[in-house]
C-alpha cells in the first residue's frame, strides 16, 4: 500500500500573525472603562466602547492590513470587508470566558498586547469523527481542541463559527486582549448566493 495524498475537505483554521508594533498598548488598554459581564461569575469584563479600534489608529491600520492579506492571499478572495464591532476583554486572575462562537459574523480576530505563559485560549474542533480512539499522538485529524499561548503583539484570525474559550487565568496579572468581528463589504458571492453588504 502506498499513501499518495490527502484532501482536507472539511477545514477550519487558526491563523497566527506577528504584528510589527513597538508601542505598548497594554498601558492604554488598562485606562479604558470596563463593564462586568455577570456571566457565570467568571471575572470577565469587556470595554464599554464596542468600537474600540477607532481609538487606536495605528493598531487599527495594522489589523486591517493583516485581514486584507488573509482574505486575498490565504482565502484568495478579492473582496472588501468591514470591522463591525471591536472590544477589549479583561480577565482577572482566576477568571475565564466560557466557550462560544461569534454569531452574525464572517471573520473574527483577537490581538494580544503581551505574553504570559498563563494566558491561554482554546479552540475546539467540533467536526470530528464520532468514533473516539486512543491516538499515540495528536494532530489536526484526531484532536478535539487546540490550546494556544499567544505571543506579544500576536493577532489570531479565525472564521467566526469556530468555537473557542478563554482558559482560566492562572497568573496573578490581569489579562487584556482586543477582539473584533468582520463582515464582507459591498458585492459578495455570485449566483443565488450573491449578497450586497453595506
Foldseek 3Di string as FASTA:
>chain_A
DDDDDDDCPDDWDKDKDFFDDDDQCVVVVVPAAWDDPPPPPQQKIKGPAFAVVVVPVVVVVRVLVVVCCCCCVVVVDDFAKDFPTKMKMKGAAQGKWDKDFDPPFFKKKKWFQAFDPQWKKKWADPPADPDQDDDPDDDPHRDGMDMDGDHHGMMMMTTRRTIMMTPHRNDNDMGMMMMTGMDTAAWDDDDPPIDHHD
